């Protein structure tokens, strides 16, 4: 299993879940070397405790299982996904060490909560599109051929956002990046199904705000609470195992998507204003880039 943006927030929770579930190998990609080192040490210490776990692709294991299967191995790589050229180099290193991956979670993301005219092309727009939209495509392309050629069940999980389904002030570039992810991810799912590669299943995830600090200051609209990270990870993990095509969290995200699709634009604008959708980023502060 390979997780991007693995050293903190949701990425760290996915990595911890992978170890608990007994993944054969967990590959961690992140640009924060210190946080990556800390996570790697914590995961390896947990593995040494010998907790039994049930893998999605293997029987329960301990560091020395009855079947002789080794404990989960952890493979950290420091790279900035905004540097697209580094992706191929790191992917090649992963293939040398492991041969490939069966599960890919494209989790890394950044946000700039500004009006569009406040964005700097170099500091804001370009990195947002590179990390959020282009990097998942680049990373997936590096490993997808191996997944297709293998007879093993494989999964690609692409973390998009509810922002990829609805327009929202102070989210123009972020929304654009996540709209791109949703369109690409679900199209790829259909391509795999049409071409008979059903063993590779793609899950697109579109959550509303999650309490990780990334969207500090943002307020969930009416009926759309800020989500607990552990809750989201559990839902994503189950959707991944099941090969579910699309996961929207909470349920109100799906309702808003339907309403936007059936109502005239100005009518939906009025509803969104009333629900607080268009003001959810008014007090956004976020994390330091």
Protein backbone atom coordinates (compact mmCIF):
# COMPACT_ATOMS: atom_id res chain seq x y z
CA UNK A 1 0.00 0.00 0.00
CA UNK A 2 1.26 3.47 -0.93
CA UNK A 3 -0.08 6.60 0.75
CA UNK A 4 0.75 10.12 -0.37
CA UNK A 5 0.79 12.92 2.18
CA UNK A 6 1.33 10.18 4.74
CA UNK A 7 3.20 11.97 7.53
CA UNK A 8 0.32 13.90 9.10
CA UNK A 9 -3.43 14.36 9.21
CA UNK A 10 -5.48 11.84 7.29
CA UNK A 11 -2.41 10.30 5.68
CA UNK A 12 -1.02 9.28 9.05
CA UNK A 13 -4.34 7.72 10.01
CA UNK A 14 -4.42 5.70 6.78
CA UNK A 15 -0.88 4.49 7.47
CA UNK A 16 -1.75 3.48 11.03
CA UNK A 17 -4.85 1.68 9.77
CA UNK A 18 -2.80 -0.17 7.16
CA UNK A 19 -0.44 -1.47 9.85
CA UNK A 20 -3.31 -2.51 12.10
CA UNK A 21 -4.98 -4.31 9.20
CA UNK A 22 -1.79 -6.23 8.42
CA UNK A 23 -0.79 -4.77 5.06
CA UNK A 24 2.25 -6.56 3.66
CA UNK A 25 4.11 -3.29 3.06
CA UNK A 26 3.27 0.35 3.69
CA UNK A 27 4.96 2.97 1.51
CA UNK A 28 4.89 6.49 2.92
CA UNK A 29 5.35 9.51 0.66
CA UNK A 30 5.61 12.98 2.19
CA UNK A 31 7.69 16.14 1.86
CA UNK A 32 8.13 16.62 5.64
CA UNK A 33 11.21 14.57 6.46
CA UNK A 34 11.00 15.04 10.23
CA UNK A 35 7.32 14.06 10.43
CA UNK A 36 7.98 11.13 8.11
CA UNK A 37 10.80 9.87 10.32
CA UNK A 38 8.58 10.16 13.39
CA UNK A 39 5.74 8.26 11.75
CA UNK A 40 8.06 5.55 10.45
CA UNK A 41 9.51 5.01 13.92
CA UNK A 42 6.03 4.91 15.48
CA UNK A 43 4.74 2.39 12.94
CA UNK A 44 7.76 0.12 13.29
CA UNK A 45 7.40 0.23 17.07
CA UNK A 46 3.74 -0.74 16.76
CA UNK A 47 4.64 -3.60 14.43
CA UNK A 48 7.14 -4.90 16.98
CA UNK A 49 4.39 -5.21 19.59
CA UNK A 50 3.06 -8.09 17.51
CA UNK A 51 -0.56 -7.04 17.51
CA UNK A 52 -2.67 -9.41 15.45
CA UNK A 53 -4.53 -7.81 12.61
CA UNK A 54 -6.69 -8.77 9.66
CA UNK A 55 -5.31 -7.68 6.33
CA UNK A 56 -7.53 -6.84 3.42
CA UNK A 57 -5.30 -9.00 1.24
CA UNK A 58 -3.96 -11.57 3.73
CA UNK A 59 -4.76 -13.62 6.84
CA UNK A 60 -4.15 -12.22 10.33
CA UNK A 61 -0.48 -11.87 11.16
CA UNK A 62 1.98 -11.18 13.92
CA UNK A 63 5.68 -10.33 13.55
CA UNK A 64 6.30 -14.06 13.20
CA UNK A 65 3.06 -15.61 12.05
CA UNK A 66 2.30 -19.30 12.04
CA UNK A 67 2.43 -19.24 8.27
CA UNK A 68 5.89 -17.67 8.41
CA UNK A 69 4.70 -14.40 6.96
CA UNK A 70 6.84 -11.43 8.07
CA UNK A 71 5.44 -8.37 9.76
CA UNK A 72 4.44 -5.30 7.79
CA UNK A 73 7.42 -3.48 6.32
CA UNK A 74 7.48 0.32 6.26
CA UNK A 75 9.13 2.24 3.42
CA UNK A 76 9.39 6.04 3.78
CA UNK A 77 10.22 8.34 0.87
CA UNK A 78 10.74 12.09 1.14
CA UNK A 79 9.40 13.92 -1.89
CA UNK A 80 7.36 16.98 -2.75
CA UNK A 81 4.52 16.02 -5.06
CA UNK A 82 4.59 19.55 -6.43
CA UNK A 83 7.87 18.54 -8.06
CA UNK A 84 6.28 16.26 -10.63
CA UNK A 85 9.62 14.96 -11.90
CA UNK A 86 10.35 13.43 -8.49
CA UNK A 87 7.33 11.14 -8.75
CA UNK A 88 8.83 8.90 -11.45
CA UNK A 89 12.10 8.60 -9.55
CA UNK A 90 10.42 7.60 -6.29
CA UNK A 91 8.04 5.23 -8.09
CA UNK A 92 11.00 3.50 -9.70
CA UNK A 93 12.59 3.08 -6.26
CA UNK A 94 9.36 1.57 -4.93
CA UNK A 95 9.21 -0.89 -7.80
CA UNK A 96 12.82 -1.90 -7.17
CA UNK A 97 12.08 -2.59 -3.50
CA UNK A 98 8.59 -4.09 -3.75
CA UNK A 99 7.84 -4.78 -7.38
CA UNK A 100 4.75 -2.58 -7.28
CA UNK A 101 1.78 -1.73 -5.09
CA UNK A 102 -1.70 -3.22 -4.85
CA UNK A 103 -3.33 -0.30 -3.04
CA UNK A 104 -2.75 3.37 -3.76
CA UNK A 105 -4.28 6.15 -1.68
CA UNK A 106 -3.83 9.54 -3.33
CA UNK A 107 -4.33 11.56 -0.17
CA UNK A 108 -1.95 14.53 -0.38
CA UNK A 109 -3.51 17.93 -0.90
CA UNK A 110 -3.11 21.66 -0.27
CA UNK A 111 -5.56 24.55 -0.13
CA UNK A 112 -5.36 28.30 -0.57
CA UNK A 113 -8.50 29.98 0.84
CA UNK A 114 -8.49 33.20 -1.17
CA UNK A 115 -10.52 35.03 -3.75
CA UNK A 116 -9.22 34.11 -7.20
CA UNK A 117 -7.68 37.53 -7.86
CA UNK A 118 -5.64 37.19 -4.68
CA UNK A 119 -3.92 34.04 -5.93
CA UNK A 120 -0.33 34.27 -7.06
CA UNK A 121 0.20 32.05 -10.08
CA UNK A 122 3.54 30.71 -8.87
CA UNK A 123 2.91 30.45 -5.14
CA UNK A 124 -0.77 29.47 -5.16
CA UNK A 125 -2.38 28.39 -8.43
CA UNK A 126 0.41 26.25 -9.86
CA UNK A 127 1.21 24.23 -6.70
CA UNK A 128 -2.48 23.70 -5.94
CA UNK A 129 -3.12 22.24 -9.37
CA UNK A 130 0.12 20.24 -9.35
CA UNK A 131 -0.34 18.65 -5.92
CA UNK A 132 -4.11 18.19 -5.99
CA UNK A 133 -4.81 17.34 -9.63
CA UNK A 134 -1.69 16.44 -11.59
CA UNK A 135 0.18 14.50 -8.90
CA UNK A 136 -2.56 11.88 -8.39
CA UNK A 137 -2.58 11.29 -12.15
CA UNK A 138 1.21 11.03 -12.32
CA UNK A 139 1.42 8.71 -9.30
CA UNK A 140 -1.39 6.46 -10.50
CA UNK A 141 0.07 6.22 -13.99
CA UNK A 142 3.33 4.95 -12.48
CA UNK A 143 1.65 1.98 -10.80
CA UNK A 144 -1.54 1.32 -12.78
CA UNK A 145 0.06 -0.80 -15.50
CA UNK A 146 1.45 -3.16 -12.87
CA UNK A 147 -1.97 -3.40 -11.24
CA UNK A 148 -3.59 -4.20 -14.58
CA UNK A 149 -1.03 -6.86 -15.48
CA UNK A 150 -1.24 -8.54 -12.07
CA UNK A 151 -3.98 -11.02 -11.26
CA UNK A 152 -4.23 -9.64 -7.72
CA UNK A 153 -7.09 -7.48 -6.54
CA UNK A 154 -5.99 -3.85 -6.59
CA UNK A 155 -7.41 -0.54 -5.39
CA UNK A 156 -6.91 3.12 -6.24
CA UNK A 157 -8.43 5.61 -3.80
CA UNK A 158 -8.50 9.24 -4.88
CA UNK A 159 -9.29 11.77 -2.17
CA UNK A 160 -11.19 14.58 -3.86
CA UNK A 161 -13.56 16.93 -2.00
CA UNK A 162 -17.12 18.12 -1.82
CA UNK A 163 -15.59 21.29 -3.26
CA UNK A 164 -15.24 19.33 -6.49
CA UNK A 165 -19.03 19.09 -6.77
CA UNK A 166 -20.07 22.64 -5.86
CA UNK A 167 -18.83 26.14 -6.55
CA UNK A 168 -17.80 28.09 -3.44
CA UNK A 169 -16.27 31.53 -2.83
CA UNK A 170 -12.63 31.55 -1.68
CA UNK A 171 -12.17 28.07 -3.14
CA UNK A 172 -11.95 28.69 -6.87
CA UNK A 173 -8.56 27.11 -7.55
CA UNK A 174 -8.97 24.39 -4.92
CA UNK A 175 -12.41 23.57 -6.35
CA UNK A 176 -10.95 23.44 -9.86
CA UNK A 177 -8.31 20.95 -8.73
CA UNK A 178 -10.86 18.71 -7.07
CA UNK A 179 -13.31 18.88 -9.98
CA UNK A 180 -10.43 17.64 -12.10
CA UNK A 181 -9.77 14.76 -9.70
CA UNK A 182 -13.39 13.64 -9.71
CA UNK A 183 -13.68 13.74 -13.50
CA UNK A 184 -10.39 11.92 -14.05
CA UNK A 185 -10.88 9.36 -11.27
CA UNK A 186 -14.36 8.24 -12.25
CA UNK A 187 -13.50 8.21 -15.95
CA UNK A 188 -10.54 5.95 -15.18
CA UNK A 189 -12.87 3.67 -13.21
CA UNK A 190 -15.11 3.31 -16.25
CA UNK A 191 -12.16 2.70 -18.57
CA UNK A 192 -10.90 -0.14 -16.36
CA UNK A 193 -14.34 -1.72 -16.21
CA UNK A 194 -14.94 -1.42 -19.96
CA UNK A 195 -11.58 -2.96 -20.83
CA UNK A 196 -12.07 -5.96 -18.54
CA UNK A 197 -9.72 -4.93 -15.76
CA UNK A 198 -12.33 -5.24 -13.03
CA UNK A 199 -9.81 -6.47 -10.49
CA UNK A 200 -8.53 -2.87 -10.30
CA UNK A 201 -11.22 -0.87 -8.55
CA UNK A 202 -11.23 2.91 -8.20
CA UNK A 203 -12.92 4.76 -5.34
CA UNK A 204 -13.40 8.52 -5.52
CA UNK A 205 -13.92 10.22 -2.16
CA UNK A 206 -15.62 13.61 -1.82
CA UNK A 207 -15.82 14.66 1.83
CA UNK A 208 -16.81 18.00 3.26
CA UNK A 209 -14.58 19.72 5.81
CA UNK A 210 -12.52 17.41 8.02
CA UNK A 211 -11.10 18.45 11.38
CA UNK A 212 -7.39 18.06 10.56
CA UNK A 213 -6.34 21.71 10.68
CA UNK A 214 -6.08 21.98 6.90
CA UNK A 215 -9.35 23.92 6.83
CA UNK A 216 -8.96 25.68 10.17
CA UNK A 217 -11.59 28.40 10.51
CA UNK A 218 -13.96 26.95 7.90
CA UNK A 219 -17.50 26.31 9.07
CA UNK A 220 -19.67 23.46 7.89
CA UNK A 221 -22.91 24.53 6.18
CA UNK A 222 -26.28 23.60 7.65
CA UNK A 223 -26.64 19.78 7.93
CA UNK A 224 -22.94 19.41 7.08
CA UNK A 225 -20.88 19.12 10.28
CA UNK A 226 -17.09 19.23 10.27
CA UNK A 227 -16.08 15.57 10.18
CA UNK A 228 -13.87 13.69 12.61
CA UNK A 229 -10.79 12.30 10.79
CA UNK A 230 -11.15 8.83 12.34
CA UNK A 231 -14.74 8.60 11.09
CA UNK A 232 -13.70 9.50 7.55
CA UNK A 233 -10.81 7.04 7.52
CA UNK A 234 -13.10 4.22 8.62
CA UNK A 235 -15.65 5.04 5.92
CA UNK A 236 -12.98 5.36 3.22
CA UNK A 237 -11.34 2.10 4.27
CA UNK A 238 -14.62 0.18 4.04
CA UNK A 239 -15.45 1.78 0.70
CA UNK A 240 -12.00 0.84 -0.60
CA UNK A 241 -12.38 -2.78 0.44
CA UNK A 242 -15.79 -2.96 -1.19
CA UNK A 243 -14.59 -1.28 -4.39
CA UNK A 244 -17.26 1.38 -4.02
CA UNK A 245 -17.08 3.85 -6.92
CA UNK A 246 -17.99 7.06 -5.07
CA UNK A 247 -18.09 8.02 -1.41
CA UNK A 248 -19.53 11.41 -0.41
CA UNK A 249 -19.46 12.48 3.24
CA UNK A 250 -21.68 13.41 4.97
CA UNK A 251 -24.96 12.50 3.29
CA UNK A 252 -25.81 16.18 2.78
CA UNK A 253 -23.00 16.45 0.19
CA UNK A 254 -24.91 14.10 -2.07
CA UNK A 255 -28.15 16.00 -1.45
CA UNK A 256 -26.51 19.30 -2.37
CA UNK A 257 -25.13 17.74 -5.53
CA UNK A 258 -28.62 16.63 -6.57
CA UNK A 259 -30.18 19.99 -5.78
CA UNK A 260 -27.53 21.83 -7.74
CA UNK A 261 -28.20 19.51 -10.67
CA UNK A 262 -31.98 20.01 -10.79
CA UNK A 263 -32.42 23.63 -9.71
CA UNK A 264 -31.80 26.63 -11.97
CA UNK A 265 -28.50 28.29 -11.15
CA UNK A 266 -29.99 31.32 -9.39
CA UNK A 267 -32.37 29.13 -7.41
CA UNK A 268 -29.49 26.97 -6.25
CA UNK A 269 -27.50 30.10 -5.37
CA UNK A 270 -30.34 31.18 -3.10
CA UNK A 271 -30.49 27.78 -1.44
CA UNK A 272 -26.71 27.66 -0.99
CA UNK A 273 -26.72 31.13 0.57
CA UNK A 274 -29.47 30.10 2.98
CA UNK A 275 -27.66 26.87 3.94
CA UNK A 276 -24.39 28.73 4.50
CA UNK A 277 -22.51 26.94 1.71
CA UNK A 278 -21.29 30.16 0.13
CA UNK A 279 -20.02 31.52 3.45
CA UNK A 280 -18.35 28.41 4.83
CA UNK A 281 -14.87 29.81 4.06
CA UNK A 282 -15.47 33.33 5.38
CA UNK A 283 -13.29 32.77 8.47
CA UNK A 284 -10.81 30.34 6.96
CA UNK A 285 -7.25 30.55 8.30
CA UNK A 286 -5.85 27.11 7.46
CA UNK A 287 -2.35 25.83 8.10
CA UNK A 288 0.78 27.66 7.08
CA UNK A 289 1.77 26.45 3.56
